[in-house]
Amino acid sequence: MVTTDACALADELIAIGFRCRRCGGCCRGLGKDGSLVMVGPDEIERVAAALSRSKDEVAEPYPEEVVIRYARCRLGWALRRDEAGACRIHDGTRCLAYDDRPWLCRTYPFMLDAGCLIVSECPGLGAPLSYEEALLLARDLVARQAAEEEEARAVRTVLASAALPAGGIVVVDAGGVTRL
């Protein structure tokens, strides 16, 4: 069943227009948004399985660090990038895990923030978008927002209940605390 919100969002997407040119700019760290792709534990597992790689080969701790109760923490994971900031899942020509790519990649250059559509720079903007394509993208955006909210809730639960070790760095995600 399609919600009114997804239908209204689809209309908004049609007005903007979009067709992925598969230029890979978003994967190669071009533009002001770079290629930092936050991923949840389920997305890491899905991409790792699709590529027959380990989780460590697919993901790295989110680069920014915060101090919580005297512990140095990274709140989540990102797709692993090379020294230049390009996604390691992109081979320079194409995404190696396209069918299993994370929410952020599937919905780029769009995201929802408190229900408002945010649009990042992308050369594919402005191209015609059918209602069916827009509705699929709108559904993915709504599902992505729900997944991100659930991940944030789970992280808050972990932070409220887990003992965070002082010294060293830990990653906190929906699955718990991982010492680096």
C-alpha atoms as a PDB file:
ATOM      1  CA  MET A   1       0.000   0.000   0.000  1.00  0.00           C
ATOM      2  CA  VAL A   2       1.278   3.452  -0.936  1.00  0.00           C
ATOM      3  CA  THR A   3       1.047   6.134   1.708  1.00  0.00           C
ATOM      4  CA  THR A   4      -0.048   9.664   0.913  1.00  0.00           C
ATOM      5  CA  ASP A   5       3.391  10.810   2.022  1.00  0.00           C
ATOM      6  CA  ALA A   6       5.103   8.603  -0.567  1.00  0.00           C
ATOM      7  CA  CYS A   7       2.721   9.846  -3.278  1.00  0.00           C
ATOM      8  CA  ALA A   8       3.328  13.488  -2.369  1.00  0.00           C
ATOM      9  CA  LEU A   9       7.063  12.828  -2.258  1.00  0.00           C
ATOM     10  CA  ALA A  10       6.893  11.159  -5.682  1.00  0.00           C
ATOM     11  CA  ASP A  11       5.231  14.297  -7.079  1.00  0.00           C
ATOM     12  CA  GLU A  12       8.015  16.408  -5.575  1.00  0.00           C
ATOM     13  CA  LEU A  13      10.662  14.114  -7.112  1.00  0.00           C
ATOM     14  CA  ILE A  14       9.010  14.343 -10.539  1.00  0.00           C
ATOM     15  CA  ALA A  15       9.083  18.152 -10.328  1.00  0.00           C
ATOM     16  CA  ILE A  16      12.840  18.033  -9.610  1.00  0.00           C
ATOM     17  CA  GLY A  17      13.630  15.239 -12.058  1.00  0.00           C
ATOM     18  CA  PHE A  18      16.487  12.787 -11.865  1.00  0.00           C
ATOM     19  CA  ARG A  19      18.216  10.114 -13.913  1.00  0.00           C
ATOM     20  CA  CYS A  20      21.416   8.521 -12.647  1.00  0.00           C
ATOM     21  CA  ARG A  21      24.110   9.000 -15.276  1.00  0.00           C
ATOM     22  CA  ARG A  22      26.307   6.361 -13.605  1.00  0.00           C
ATOM     23  CA  CYS A  23      29.144   8.865 -13.714  1.00  0.00           C
ATOM     24  CA  GLY A  24      30.416   7.629 -10.332  1.00  0.00           C
ATOM     25  CA  GLY A  25      31.065  11.166  -9.076  1.00  0.00           C
ATOM     26  CA  CYS A  26      29.252  10.442  -5.825  1.00  0.00           C
ATOM     27  CA  CYS A  27      31.362   7.291  -5.366  1.00  0.00           C
ATOM     28  CA  ARG A  28      34.682   8.935  -6.166  1.00  0.00           C
ATOM     29  CA  GLY A  29      34.337  11.688  -3.564  1.00  0.00           C
ATOM     30  CA  LEU A  30      33.685  14.464  -6.061  1.00  0.00           C
ATOM     31  CA  GLY A  31      31.606  17.466  -5.091  1.00  0.00           C
ATOM     32  CA  LYS A  32      31.051  19.003  -1.686  1.00  0.00           C
ATOM     33  CA  ASP A  33      29.208  15.943  -0.341  1.00  0.00           C
ATOM     34  CA  GLY A  34      32.163  13.583  -0.832  1.00  0.00           C
ATOM     35  CA  SER A  35      31.611   9.842  -0.704  1.00  0.00           C
ATOM     36  CA  LEU A  36      31.195   9.174   2.997  1.00  0.00           C
ATOM     37  CA  VAL A  37      28.430   6.568   3.122  1.00  0.00           C
ATOM     38  CA  MET A  38      27.089   5.734   6.567  1.00  0.00           C
ATOM     39  CA  VAL A  39      25.982   2.107   6.807  1.00  0.00           C
ATOM     40  CA  GLY A  40      24.220   0.050   9.423  1.00  0.00           C
ATOM     41  CA  PRO A  41      25.222  -3.461  10.503  1.00  0.00           C
ATOM     42  CA  ASP A  42      22.654  -5.098   8.177  1.00  0.00           C
ATOM     43  CA  GLU A  43      23.922  -3.119   5.189  1.00  0.00           C
ATOM     44  CA  ILE A  44      27.527  -4.080   5.956  1.00  0.00           C
ATOM     45  CA  GLU A  45      26.585  -7.755   6.064  1.00  0.00           C
ATOM     46  CA  ARG A  46      24.581  -7.518   2.825  1.00  0.00           C
ATOM     47  CA  VAL A  47      27.372  -5.760   0.890  1.00  0.00           C
ATOM     48  CA  ALA A  48      30.060  -8.055   2.330  1.00  0.00           C
ATOM     49  CA  ALA A  49      28.059 -11.153   1.342  1.00  0.00           C
ATOM     50  CA  ALA A  50      27.402  -9.796  -2.163  1.00  0.00           C
ATOM     51  CA  LEU A  51      31.122  -9.222  -2.685  1.00  0.00           C
ATOM     52  CA  SER A  52      32.329 -12.316  -0.787  1.00  0.00           C
ATOM     53  CA  ARG A  53      34.405 -10.034   1.418  1.00  0.00           C
ATOM     54  CA  SER A  54      34.784  -9.657   5.158  1.00  0.00           C
ATOM     55  CA  LYS A  55      32.980  -6.902   7.023  1.00  0.00           C
ATOM     56  CA  ASP A  56      36.347  -5.222   7.674  1.00  0.00           C
ATOM     57  CA  GLU A  57      37.043  -5.095   3.934  1.00  0.00           C
ATOM     58  CA  VAL A  58      33.690  -3.370   3.336  1.00  0.00           C
ATOM     59  CA  ALA A  59      33.332  -0.976   6.274  1.00  0.00           C
ATOM     60  CA  GLU A  60      35.417   1.302   8.449  1.00  0.00           C
ATOM     61  CA  PRO A  61      34.502   3.173  11.623  1.00  0.00           C
ATOM     62  CA  TYR A  62      32.815   6.508  11.032  1.00  0.00           C
ATOM     63  CA  PRO A  63      35.710   8.994  10.983  1.00  0.00           C
ATOM     64  CA  GLU A  64      34.431  11.513  13.526  1.00  0.00           C
ATOM     65  CA  GLU A  65      34.978  10.812  17.189  1.00  0.00           C
ATOM     66  CA  VAL A  66      32.967  11.914  20.214  1.00  0.00           C
ATOM     67  CA  VAL A  67      33.655  11.460  23.915  1.00  0.00           C
ATOM     68  CA  ILE A  68      30.827   9.854  25.883  1.00  0.00           C
ATOM     69  CA  ARG A  69      31.315   9.145  29.574  1.00  0.00           C
ATOM     70  CA  TYR A  70      35.107   9.386  29.183  1.00  0.00           C
ATOM     71  CA  ALA A  71      35.126   6.904  26.283  1.00  0.00           C
ATOM     72  CA  ARG A  72      36.288   7.820  22.784  1.00  0.00           C
ATOM     73  CA  CYS A  73      33.466   6.702  20.480  1.00  0.00           C
ATOM     74  CA  ARG A  74      32.689   6.493  16.800  1.00  0.00           C
ATOM     75  CA  LEU A  75      28.938   6.344  16.289  1.00  0.00           C
ATOM     76  CA  GLY A  76      28.566   3.863  13.466  1.00  0.00           C
ATOM     77  CA  TRP A  77      30.252   2.678  10.324  1.00  0.00           C
ATOM     78  CA  ALA A  78      30.899   3.910   6.790  1.00  0.00           C
ATOM     79  CA  LEU A  79      31.741   2.145   3.555  1.00  0.00           C
ATOM     80  CA  ARG A  80      35.509   1.808   3.356  1.00  0.00           C
ATOM     81  CA  ARG A  81      37.227   4.472   1.227  1.00  0.00           C
ATOM     82  CA  ASP A  82      40.656   4.730  -0.329  1.00  0.00           C
ATOM     83  CA  GLU A  83      43.248   7.412   0.474  1.00  0.00           C
ATOM     84  CA  ALA A  84      41.640   9.828  -2.017  1.00  0.00           C
ATOM     85  CA  GLY A  85      38.205   9.397  -0.406  1.00  0.00           C
ATOM     86  CA  ALA A  86      36.697   7.215  -3.133  1.00  0.00           C
ATOM     87  CA  CYS A  87      34.448   4.305  -2.189  1.00  0.00           C
ATOM     88  CA  ARG A  88      36.319   1.000  -2.417  1.00  0.00           C
ATOM     89  CA  ILE A  89      33.164  -0.729  -3.651  1.00  0.00           C
ATOM     90  CA  HIS A  90      33.363   1.345  -6.852  1.00  0.00           C
ATOM     91  CA  ASP A  91      35.993   0.043  -9.262  1.00  0.00           C
ATOM     92  CA  GLY A  92      36.372   3.332 -11.152  1.00  0.00           C
ATOM     93  CA  THR A  93      33.734   2.340 -13.679  1.00  0.00           C
ATOM     94  CA  ARG A  94      30.853   0.865 -11.702  1.00  0.00           C
ATOM     95  CA  CYS A  95      29.595  -0.125  -8.274  1.00  0.00           C
ATOM     96  CA  LEU A  96      30.544  -3.715  -7.545  1.00  0.00           C
ATOM     97  CA  ALA A  97      27.570  -4.170  -5.213  1.00  0.00           C
ATOM     98  CA  TYR A  98      24.980  -2.152  -7.161  1.00  0.00           C
ATOM     99  CA  ASP A  99      22.058  -4.516  -6.508  1.00  0.00           C
ATOM    100  CA  ASP A 100      22.936  -4.678  -2.795  1.00  0.00           C
ATOM    101  CA  ARG A 101      24.076  -1.082  -2.265  1.00  0.00           C
ATOM    102  CA  PRO A 102      23.156   0.745   0.957  1.00  0.00           C
ATOM    103  CA  TRP A 103      20.128   3.009   1.412  1.00  0.00           C
ATOM    104  CA  LEU A 104      22.194   6.162   1.035  1.00  0.00           C
ATOM    105  CA  CYS A 105      23.518   5.036  -2.354  1.00  0.00           C
ATOM    106  CA  ARG A 106      20.100   3.898  -3.587  1.00  0.00           C
ATOM    107  CA  THR A 107      18.470   7.214  -2.784  1.00  0.00           C
ATOM    108  CA  TYR A 108      21.284   9.629  -3.676  1.00  0.00           C
ATOM    109  CA  PRO A 109      21.113  12.587  -4.398  1.00  0.00           C
ATOM    110  CA  PHE A 110      18.041  12.753  -2.182  1.00  0.00           C
ATOM    111  CA  MET A 111      17.413  12.335   1.528  1.00  0.00           C
ATOM    112  CA  LEU A 112      14.670  13.143   4.002  1.00  0.00           C
ATOM    113  CA  ASP A 113      15.410  15.284   7.029  1.00  0.00           C
ATOM    114  CA  ALA A 114      12.453  15.547   9.413  1.00  0.00           C
ATOM    115  CA  GLY A 115      10.204  14.765   6.464  1.00  0.00           C
ATOM    116  CA  CYS A 116      11.674  17.497   4.241  1.00  0.00           C
ATOM    117  CA  LEU A 117      13.344  16.535   0.973  1.00  0.00           C
ATOM    118  CA  ILE A 118      17.021  17.516   0.776  1.00  0.00           C
ATOM    119  CA  VAL A 119      18.729  17.453  -2.632  1.00  0.00           C
ATOM    120  CA  SER A 120      22.512  17.166  -3.091  1.00  0.00           C
ATOM    121  CA  GLU A 121      24.398  18.270  -6.162  1.00  0.00           C
ATOM    122  CA  CYS A 122      24.385  15.719  -8.968  1.00  0.00           C
ATOM    123  CA  PRO A 123      24.643  15.947 -12.767  1.00  0.00           C
ATOM    124  CA  GLY A 124      21.593  13.659 -13.096  1.00  0.00           C
ATOM    125  CA  LEU A 125      19.207  16.233 -11.612  1.00  0.00           C
ATOM    126  CA  GLY A 126      16.593  17.723 -13.926  1.00  0.00           C
ATOM    127  CA  ALA A 127      16.187  14.665 -16.146  1.00  0.00           C
ATOM    128  CA  PRO A 128      12.658  13.306 -16.710  1.00  0.00           C
ATOM    129  CA  LEU A 129      11.448  10.856 -14.064  1.00  0.00           C
ATOM    130  CA  SER A 130       8.373   8.695 -14.549  1.00  0.00           C
ATOM    131  CA  TYR A 131       5.753   8.418 -11.820  1.00  0.00           C
ATOM    132  CA  GLU A 132       6.624   4.731 -11.295  1.00  0.00           C
ATOM    133  CA  GLU A 133      10.338   5.547 -10.882  1.00  0.00           C
ATOM    134  CA  ALA A 134       9.527   8.465  -8.593  1.00  0.00           C
ATOM    135  CA  LEU A 135       7.234   6.306  -6.458  1.00  0.00           C
ATOM    136  CA  LEU A 136       9.916   3.602  -6.071  1.00  0.00           C
ATOM    137  CA  LEU A 137      12.456   6.254  -5.087  1.00  0.00           C
ATOM    138  CA  ALA A 138       9.951   7.854  -2.683  1.00  0.00           C
ATOM    139  CA  ARG A 139       9.307   4.488  -1.031  1.00  0.00           C
ATOM    140  CA  ASP A 140      13.059   3.933  -0.681  1.00  0.00           C
ATOM    141  CA  LEU A 141      13.468   7.392   0.853  1.00  0.00           C
ATOM    142  CA  VAL A 142      10.697   6.736   3.384  1.00  0.00           C
ATOM    143  CA  ALA A 143      12.158   3.304   4.199  1.00  0.00           C
ATOM    144  CA  ARG A 144      15.660   4.803   4.512  1.00  0.00           C
ATOM    145  CA  GLN A 145      14.420   7.428   6.940  1.00  0.00           C
ATOM    146  CA  ALA A 146      12.693   4.743   9.028  1.00  0.00           C
ATOM    147  CA  ALA A 147      15.857   2.584   9.011  1.00  0.00           C
ATOM    148  CA  GLU A 148      18.008   5.553  10.067  1.00  0.00           C
ATOM    149  CA  GLU A 149      15.585   6.423  12.869  1.00  0.00           C
ATOM    150  CA  GLU A 150      15.584   2.800  14.067  1.00  0.00           C
ATOM    151  CA  GLU A 151      19.405   2.705  14.006  1.00  0.00           C
ATOM    152  CA  ALA A 152      19.529   5.941  16.028  1.00  0.00           C
ATOM    153  CA  ARG A 153      17.058   4.507  18.590  1.00  0.00           C
ATOM    154  CA  ALA A 154      19.095   1.328  18.870  1.00  0.00           C
ATOM    155  CA  VAL A 155      22.335   3.296  19.344  1.00  0.00           C
ATOM    156  CA  ARG A 156      20.706   5.347  22.109  1.00  0.00           C
ATOM    157  CA  THR A 157      19.611   2.105  23.793  1.00  0.00           C
ATOM    158  CA  VAL A 158      23.141   0.681  23.568  1.00  0.00           C
ATOM    159  CA  LEU A 159      24.616   3.903  24.959  1.00  0.00           C
ATOM    160  CA  ALA A 160      22.149   3.896  27.844  1.00  0.00           C
ATOM    161  CA  SER A 161      22.855   0.292  28.811  1.00  0.00           C
ATOM    162  CA  ALA A 162      26.435  -0.486  27.803  1.00  0.00           C
ATOM    163  CA  ALA A 163      29.554   0.043  29.834  1.00  0.00           C
ATOM    164  CA  LEU A 164      31.884   2.112  27.686  1.00  0.00           C
ATOM    165  CA  PRO A 165      35.552   1.373  28.328  1.00  0.00           C
ATOM    166  CA  ALA A 166      37.819   4.296  29.090  1.00  0.00           C
ATOM    167  CA  GLY A 167      40.947   4.375  26.968  1.00  0.00           C
ATOM    168  CA  GLY A 168      41.064   3.274  23.379  1.00  0.00           C
ATOM    169  CA  ILE A 169      38.365   3.846  20.814  1.00  0.00           C
ATOM    170  CA  VAL A 170      35.052   2.016  20.411  1.00  0.00           C
ATOM    171  CA  VAL A 171      32.414   1.932  17.712  1.00  0.00           C
ATOM    172  CA  VAL A 172      28.843   2.059  18.950  1.00  0.00           C
ATOM    173  CA  ASP A 173      26.125   0.831  16.610  1.00  0.00           C
ATOM    174  CA  ALA A 174      22.760  -0.917  16.843  1.00  0.00           C
ATOM    175  CA  GLY A 175      24.563  -4.190  17.481  1.00  0.00           C
ATOM    176  CA  GLY A 176      26.505  -2.984  20.494  1.00  0.00           C
ATOM    177  CA  VAL A 177      30.006  -1.783  21.285  1.00  0.00           C
ATOM    178  CA  THR A 178      33.078  -2.854  19.313  1.00  0.00           C
ATOM    179  CA  ARG A 179      36.550  -2.053  20.605  1.00  0.00           C
ATOM    180  CA  LEU A 180      38.990  -0.946  17.918  1.00  0.00           C
END
